[in-house]
Amino acid sequence: MVIAVAVLILGVLLGALFLIPRNSAVAEKNRTNAADRKKVYGVYSKAEIALHDKRTDCWIIVKNRVWYFSQF
């Protein structure tokens, strides 16, 4: 019984050692992805967006962001 508990504790500790570095790498990757997402691709006026009102050329504004929905 003591051996089973010792093996279980050892397994948990070894598992934690493998997960801790992996979580750090994932967190670092998420931080860099968040920085990439904040890039500004262009600034458009509402008048310019209004010109794109065709079925084949549809732009809309949602929460101050411009979305291109022509392919849907």
PDB file of N, CA and C in Angstrom:
ATOM      1  N   MET A   1       0.820  -1.198   0.000  1.00  0.00           N
ATOM      2  CA  MET A   1       0.000   0.000   0.000  1.00  0.00           C
ATOM      3  C   MET A   1       0.858   1.254   0.000  1.00  0.00           C
ATOM      4  N   VAL A   2       1.924   1.248   0.785  1.00  0.00           N
ATOM      5  CA  VAL A   2       2.816   2.401   0.871  1.00  0.00           C
ATOM      6  C   VAL A   2       3.510   2.619  -0.467  1.00  0.00           C
ATOM      7  N   ILE A   3       3.854   1.537  -1.130  1.00  0.00           N
ATOM      8  CA  ILE A   3       4.528   1.639  -2.428  1.00  0.00           C
ATOM      9  C   ILE A   3       3.580   2.258  -3.457  1.00  0.00           C
ATOM     10  N   ALA A   4       2.322   1.875  -3.430  1.00  0.00           N
ATOM     11  CA  ALA A   4       1.349   2.420  -4.380  1.00  0.00           C
ATOM     12  C   ALA A   4       1.172   3.920  -4.176  1.00  0.00           C
ATOM     13  N   VAL A   5       1.121   4.374  -2.933  1.00  0.00           N
ATOM     14  CA  VAL A   5       0.984   5.798  -2.644  1.00  0.00           C
ATOM     15  C   VAL A   5       2.230   6.548  -3.086  1.00  0.00           C
ATOM     16  N   ALA A   6       3.415   5.960  -2.829  1.00  0.00           N
ATOM     17  CA  ALA A   6       4.668   6.601  -3.231  1.00  0.00           C
ATOM     18  C   ALA A   6       4.748   6.720  -4.751  1.00  0.00           C
ATOM     19  N   VAL A   7       4.339   5.692  -5.466  1.00  0.00           N
ATOM     20  CA  VAL A   7       4.355   5.724  -6.931  1.00  0.00           C
ATOM     21  C   VAL A   7       3.358   6.767  -7.441  1.00  0.00           C
ATOM     22  N   LEU A   8       2.212   6.861  -6.811  1.00  0.00           N
ATOM     23  CA  LEU A   8       1.211   7.849  -7.207  1.00  0.00           C
ATOM     24  C   LEU A   8       1.729   9.269  -7.005  1.00  0.00           C
ATOM     25  N   ILE A   9       2.338   9.533  -5.871  1.00  0.00           N
ATOM     26  CA  ILE A   9       2.897  10.860  -5.599  1.00  0.00           C
ATOM     27  C   ILE A   9       4.016  11.176  -6.580  1.00  0.00           C
ATOM     28  N   LEU A  10       4.885  10.211  -6.844  1.00  0.00           N
ATOM     29  CA  LEU A  10       5.973  10.410  -7.800  1.00  0.00           C
ATOM     30  C   LEU A  10       5.423  10.698  -9.196  1.00  0.00           C
ATOM     31  N   GLY A  11       4.376   9.999  -9.584  1.00  0.00           N
ATOM     32  CA  GLY A  11       3.760  10.237 -10.891  1.00  0.00           C
ATOM     33  C   GLY A  11       3.176  11.633 -11.001  1.00  0.00           C
ATOM     34  N   VAL A  12       2.533  12.106  -9.946  1.00  0.00           N
ATOM     35  CA  VAL A  12       1.969  13.456  -9.949  1.00  0.00           C
ATOM     36  C   VAL A  12       3.078  14.494 -10.050  1.00  0.00           C
ATOM     37  N   LEU A  13       4.150  14.306  -9.302  1.00  0.00           N
ATOM     38  CA  LEU A  13       5.264  15.260  -9.349  1.00  0.00           C
ATOM     39  C   LEU A  13       5.930  15.288 -10.722  1.00  0.00           C
ATOM     40  N   LEU A  14       6.153  14.129 -11.312  1.00  0.00           N
ATOM     41  CA  LEU A  14       6.755  14.088 -12.651  1.00  0.00           C
ATOM     42  C   LEU A  14       5.822  14.712 -13.691  1.00  0.00           C
ATOM     43  N   GLY A  15       4.541  14.469 -13.561  1.00  0.00           N
ATOM     44  CA  GLY A  15       3.576  15.086 -14.468  1.00  0.00           C
ATOM     45  C   GLY A  15       3.592  16.597 -14.358  1.00  0.00           C
ATOM     46  N   ALA A  16       3.706  17.104 -13.136  1.00  0.00           N
ATOM     47  CA  ALA A  16       3.767  18.555 -12.926  1.00  0.00           C
ATOM     48  C   ALA A  16       5.023  19.138 -13.554  1.00  0.00           C
ATOM     49  N   LEU A  17       6.134  18.424 -13.468  1.00  0.00           N
ATOM     50  CA  LEU A  17       7.374  18.917 -14.070  1.00  0.00           C
ATOM     51  C   LEU A  17       7.255  19.043 -15.585  1.00  0.00           C
ATOM     52  N   PHE A  18       6.516  18.152 -16.212  1.00  0.00           N
ATOM     53  CA  PHE A  18       6.347  18.231 -17.661  1.00  0.00           C
ATOM     54  C   PHE A  18       5.353  19.317 -18.060  1.00  0.00           C
ATOM     55  N   LEU A  19       4.355  19.562 -17.227  1.00  0.00           N
ATOM     56  CA  LEU A  19       3.327  20.537 -17.576  1.00  0.00           C
ATOM     57  C   LEU A  19       3.746  21.978 -17.324  1.00  0.00           C
ATOM     58  N   ILE A  20       4.553  22.233 -16.331  1.00  0.00           N
ATOM     59  CA  ILE A  20       4.930  23.610 -15.993  1.00  0.00           C
ATOM     60  C   ILE A  20       5.683  24.295 -17.131  1.00  0.00           C
ATOM     61  N   PRO A  21       6.725  23.718 -17.707  1.00  0.00           N
ATOM     62  CA  PRO A  21       7.394  24.401 -18.830  1.00  0.00           C
ATOM     63  C   PRO A  21       6.481  24.555 -20.046  1.00  0.00           C
ATOM     64  N   ARG A  22       5.623  23.602 -20.283  1.00  0.00           N
ATOM     65  CA  ARG A  22       4.729  23.676 -21.431  1.00  0.00           C
ATOM     66  C   ARG A  22       3.754  24.840 -21.275  1.00  0.00           C
ATOM     67  N   ASN A  23       3.225  25.035 -20.094  1.00  0.00           N
ATOM     68  CA  ASN A  23       2.309  26.147 -19.861  1.00  0.00           C
ATOM     69  C   ASN A  23       3.013  27.481 -20.060  1.00  0.00           C
ATOM     70  N   SER A  24       4.279  27.587 -19.693  1.00  0.00           N
ATOM     71  CA  SER A  24       5.029  28.822 -19.898  1.00  0.00           C
ATOM     72  C   SER A  24       5.189  29.108 -21.386  1.00  0.00           C
ATOM     73  N   ALA A  25       5.480  28.077 -22.159  1.00  0.00           N
ATOM     74  CA  ALA A  25       5.650  28.254 -23.598  1.00  0.00           C
ATOM     75  C   ALA A  25       4.325  28.657 -24.251  1.00  0.00           C
ATOM     76  N   VAL A  26       3.243  28.072 -23.817  1.00  0.00           N
ATOM     77  CA  VAL A  26       1.930  28.410 -24.369  1.00  0.00           C
ATOM     78  C   VAL A  26       1.571  29.846 -24.016  1.00  0.00           C
ATOM     79  N   ALA A  27       1.858  30.258 -22.790  1.00  0.00           N
ATOM     80  CA  ALA A  27       1.562  31.634 -22.377  1.00  0.00           C
ATOM     81  C   ALA A  27       2.375  32.630 -23.199  1.00  0.00           C
ATOM     82  N   GLU A  28       3.628  32.321 -23.458  1.00  0.00           N
ATOM     83  CA  GLU A  28       4.475  33.208 -24.266  1.00  0.00           C
ATOM     84  C   GLU A  28       3.935  33.304 -25.691  1.00  0.00           C
ATOM     85  N   LYS A  29       3.506  32.182 -26.242  1.00  0.00           N
ATOM     86  CA  LYS A  29       2.948  32.176 -27.595  1.00  0.00           C
ATOM     87  C   LYS A  29       1.670  33.009 -27.648  1.00  0.00           C
ATOM     88  N   ASN A  30       0.822  32.897 -26.628  1.00  0.00           N
ATOM     89  CA  ASN A  30      -0.416  33.676 -26.587  1.00  0.00           C
ATOM     90  C   ASN A  30      -0.126  35.164 -26.497  1.00  0.00           C
ATOM     91  N   ARG A  31       0.925  35.543 -25.758  1.00  0.00           N
ATOM     92  CA  ARG A  31       1.270  36.961 -25.662  1.00  0.00           C
ATOM     93  C   ARG A  31       1.712  37.504 -27.013  1.00  0.00           C
ATOM     94  N   THR A  32       2.508  36.746 -27.762  1.00  0.00           N
ATOM     95  CA  THR A  32       2.960  37.228 -29.066  1.00  0.00           C
ATOM     96  C   THR A  32       1.800  37.266 -30.054  1.00  0.00           C
ATOM     97  N   ASN A  33       0.881  36.301 -29.977  1.00  0.00           N
ATOM     98  CA  ASN A  33      -0.288  36.316 -30.860  1.00  0.00           C
ATOM     99  C   ASN A  33      -1.174  37.517 -30.569  1.00  0.00           C
ATOM    100  N   ALA A  34      -1.313  37.874 -29.312  1.00  0.00           N
ATOM    101  CA  ALA A  34      -2.126  39.041 -28.954  1.00  0.00           C
ATOM    102  C   ALA A  34      -1.507  40.312 -29.514  1.00  0.00           C
ATOM    103  N   ALA A  35      -0.180  40.405 -29.493  1.00  0.00           N
ATOM    104  CA  ALA A  35       0.491  41.581 -30.051  1.00  0.00           C
ATOM    105  C   ALA A  35       0.286  41.651 -31.562  1.00  0.00           C
ATOM    106  N   ASP A  36       0.312  40.512 -32.235  1.00  0.00           N
ATOM    107  CA  ASP A  36       0.096  40.486 -33.682  1.00  0.00           C
ATOM    108  C   ASP A  36      -1.328  40.899 -34.040  1.00  0.00           C
ATOM    109  N   ARG A  37      -2.303  40.535 -33.211  1.00  0.00           N
ATOM    110  CA  ARG A  37      -3.698  40.856 -33.500  1.00  0.00           C
ATOM    111  C   ARG A  37      -3.993  42.339 -33.375  1.00  0.00           C
ATOM    112  N   LYS A  38      -3.160  43.085 -32.675  1.00  0.00           N
ATOM    113  CA  LYS A  38      -3.417  44.503 -32.466  1.00  0.00           C
ATOM    114  C   LYS A  38      -2.884  45.374 -33.600  1.00  0.00           C
ATOM    115  N   LYS A  39      -2.403  44.774 -34.664  1.00  0.00           N
ATOM    116  CA  LYS A  39      -1.916  45.547 -35.803  1.00  0.00           C
ATOM    117  C   LYS A  39      -3.077  46.297 -36.454  1.00  0.00           C
ATOM    118  N   VAL A  40      -2.802  47.487 -36.898  1.00  0.00           N
ATOM    119  CA  VAL A  40      -3.813  48.283 -37.595  1.00  0.00           C
ATOM    120  C   VAL A  40      -3.648  48.037 -39.088  1.00  0.00           C
ATOM    121  N   TYR A  41      -4.692  47.561 -39.725  1.00  0.00           N
ATOM    122  CA  TYR A  41      -4.615  47.252 -41.145  1.00  0.00           C
ATOM    123  C   TYR A  41      -5.061  48.408 -42.018  1.00  0.00           C
ATOM    124  N   GLY A  42      -5.849  49.296 -41.507  1.00  0.00           N
ATOM    125  CA  GLY A  42      -6.305  50.430 -42.288  1.00  0.00           C
ATOM    126  C   GLY A  42      -7.366  51.199 -41.531  1.00  0.00           C
ATOM    127  N   VAL A  43      -7.502  52.448 -41.873  1.00  0.00           N
ATOM    128  CA  VAL A  43      -8.526  53.289 -41.264  1.00  0.00           C
ATOM    129  C   VAL A  43      -9.487  53.694 -42.367  1.00  0.00           C
ATOM    130  N   TYR A  44     -10.778  53.432 -42.157  1.00  0.00           N
ATOM    131  CA  TYR A  44     -11.788  53.700 -43.168  1.00  0.00           C
ATOM    132  C   TYR A  44     -12.854  54.616 -42.584  1.00  0.00           C
ATOM    133  N   SER A  45     -13.363  55.514 -43.393  1.00  0.00           N
ATOM    134  CA  SER A  45     -14.462  56.382 -42.953  1.00  0.00           C
ATOM    135  C   SER A  45     -15.789  55.652 -43.165  1.00  0.00           C
ATOM    136  N   LYS A  46     -16.824  56.118 -42.481  1.00  0.00           N
ATOM    137  CA  LYS A  46     -18.147  55.517 -42.661  1.00  0.00           C
ATOM    138  C   LYS A  46     -18.646  55.712 -44.085  1.00  0.00           C
ATOM    139  N   ALA A  47     -18.278  56.826 -44.699  1.00  0.00           N
ATOM    140  CA  ALA A  47     -18.679  57.071 -46.088  1.00  0.00           C
ATOM    141  C   ALA A  47     -18.031  56.053 -47.021  1.00  0.00           C
ATOM    142  N   GLU A  48     -16.782  55.720 -46.762  1.00  0.00           N
ATOM    143  CA  GLU A  48     -16.089  54.740 -47.597  1.00  0.00           C
ATOM    144  C   GLU A  48     -16.691  53.347 -47.404  1.00  0.00           C
ATOM    145  N   ILE A  49     -17.048  53.008 -46.181  1.00  0.00           N
ATOM    146  CA  ILE A  49     -17.684  51.718 -45.913  1.00  0.00           C
ATOM    147  C   ILE A  49     -19.037  51.647 -46.620  1.00  0.00           C
ATOM    148  N   ALA A  50     -19.765  52.757 -46.642  1.00  0.00           N
ATOM    149  CA  ALA A  50     -21.090  52.796 -47.267  1.00  0.00           C
ATOM    150  C   ALA A  50     -21.025  52.500 -48.761  1.00  0.00           C
ATOM    151  N   LEU A  51     -19.900  52.745 -49.407  1.00  0.00           N
ATOM    152  CA  LEU A  51     -19.757  52.448 -50.836  1.00  0.00           C
ATOM    153  C   LEU A  51     -19.734  50.945 -51.113  1.00  0.00           C
ATOM    154  N   HIS A  52     -19.421  50.154 -50.115  1.00  0.00           N
ATOM    155  CA  HIS A  52     -19.312  48.698 -50.273  1.00  0.00           C
ATOM    156  C   HIS A  52     -20.603  48.046 -49.783  1.00  0.00           C
ATOM    157  N   ASP A  53     -21.670  48.219 -50.551  1.00  0.00           N
ATOM    158  CA  ASP A  53     -22.985  47.724 -50.143  1.00  0.00           C
ATOM    159  C   ASP A  53     -23.590  46.742 -51.142  1.00  0.00           C
ATOM    160  N   LYS A  54     -22.765  46.150 -51.979  1.00  0.00           N
ATOM    161  CA  LYS A  54     -23.249  45.185 -52.966  1.00  0.00           C
ATOM    162  C   LYS A  54     -23.145  43.767 -52.401  1.00  0.00           C
ATOM    163  N   ARG A  55     -23.863  42.853 -53.008  1.00  0.00           N
ATOM    164  CA  ARG A  55     -23.807  41.451 -52.580  1.00  0.00           C
ATOM    165  C   ARG A  55     -22.403  40.871 -52.773  1.00  0.00           C
ATOM    166  N   THR A  56     -21.709  41.312 -53.809  1.00  0.00           N
ATOM    167  CA  THR A  56     -20.361  40.816 -54.082  1.00  0.00           C
ATOM    168  C   THR A  56     -19.276  41.654 -53.418  1.00  0.00           C
ATOM    169  N   ASP A  57     -19.657  42.746 -52.770  1.00  0.00           N
ATOM    170  CA  ASP A  57     -18.690  43.632 -52.119  1.00  0.00           C
ATOM    171  C   ASP A  57     -19.352  44.244 -50.880  1.00  0.00           C
ATOM    172  N   CYS A  58     -19.351  43.493 -49.786  1.00  0.00           N
ATOM    173  CA  CYS A  58     -20.088  43.905 -48.590  1.00  0.00           C
ATOM    174  C   CYS A  58     -19.140  44.107 -47.411  1.00  0.00           C
ATOM    175  N   TRP A  59     -19.083  45.346 -46.928  1.00  0.00           N
ATOM    176  CA  TRP A  59     -18.311  45.670 -45.730  1.00  0.00           C
ATOM    177  C   TRP A  59     -19.287  46.145 -44.669  1.00  0.00           C
ATOM    178  N   ILE A  60     -19.073  45.717 -43.420  1.00  0.00           N
ATOM    179  CA  ILE A  60     -19.920  46.207 -42.333  1.00  0.00           C
ATOM    180  C   ILE A  60     -19.040  46.613 -41.150  1.00  0.00           C
ATOM    181  N   ILE A  61     -19.606  47.436 -40.284  1.00  0.00           N
ATOM    182  CA  ILE A  61     -18.898  47.887 -39.086  1.00  0.00           C
ATOM    183  C   ILE A  61     -19.548  47.215 -37.879  1.00  0.00           C
ATOM    184  N   VAL A  62     -18.735  46.534 -37.078  1.00  0.00           N
ATOM    185  CA  VAL A  62     -19.190  45.915 -35.837  1.00  0.00           C
ATOM    186  C   VAL A  62     -18.213  46.312 -34.743  1.00  0.00           C
ATOM    187  N   LYS A  63     -18.692  47.023 -33.748  1.00  0.00           N
ATOM    188  CA  LYS A  63     -17.868  47.472 -32.617  1.00  0.00           C
ATOM    189  C   LYS A  63     -16.621  48.211 -33.099  1.00  0.00           C
ATOM    190  N   ASN A  64     -16.816  49.152 -34.006  1.00  0.00           N
ATOM    191  CA  ASN A  64     -15.746  49.995 -34.559  1.00  0.00           C
ATOM    192  C   ASN A  64     -14.682  49.218 -35.321  1.00  0.00           C
ATOM    193  N   ARG A  65     -15.034  48.062 -35.824  1.00  0.00           N
ATOM    194  CA  ARG A  65     -14.127  47.290 -36.679  1.00  0.00           C
ATOM    195  C   ARG A  65     -14.822  47.024 -38.005  1.00  0.00           C
ATOM    196  N   VAL A  66     -14.053  47.017 -39.064  1.00  0.00           N
ATOM    197  CA  VAL A  66     -14.603  46.788 -40.401  1.00  0.00           C
ATOM    198  C   VAL A  66     -14.465  45.309 -40.738  1.00  0.00           C
ATOM    199  N   TRP A  67     -15.576  44.709 -41.162  1.00  0.00           N
ATOM    200  CA  TRP A  67     -15.589  43.299 -41.537  1.00  0.00           C
ATOM    201  C   TRP A  67     -16.002  43.168 -43.002  1.00  0.00           C
ATOM    202  N   TYR A  68     -15.338  42.265 -43.704  1.00  0.00           N
ATOM    203  CA  TYR A  68     -15.579  42.009 -45.123  1.00  0.00           C
ATOM    204  C   TYR A  68     -16.396  40.723 -45.236  1.00  0.00           C
ATOM    205  N   PHE A  69     -17.661  40.830 -45.663  1.00  0.00           N
ATOM    206  CA  PHE A  69     -18.559  39.682 -45.697  1.00  0.00           C
ATOM    207  C   PHE A  69     -18.989  39.289 -47.098  1.00  0.00           C
ATOM    208  N   SER A  70     -18.244  39.605 -48.103  1.00  0.00           N
ATOM    209  CA  SER A  70     -18.659  39.327 -49.480  1.00  0.00           C
ATOM    210  C   SER A  70     -18.658  37.843 -49.814  1.00  0.00           C
ATOM    211  N   GLN A  71     -17.841  37.067 -49.156  1.00  0.00           N
ATOM    212  CA  GLN A  71     -17.713  35.652 -49.507  1.00  0.00           C
ATOM    213  C   GLN A  71     -18.800  34.785 -48.884  1.00  0.00           C
ATOM    214  N   PHE A  72     -19.653  35.334 -48.042  1.00  0.00           N
ATOM    215  CA  PHE A  72     -20.648  34.519 -47.345  1.00  0.00           C
ATOM    216  C   PHE A  72     -21.982  34.560 -48.015  1.00  0.00           C
TER     217      PHE A  72
END
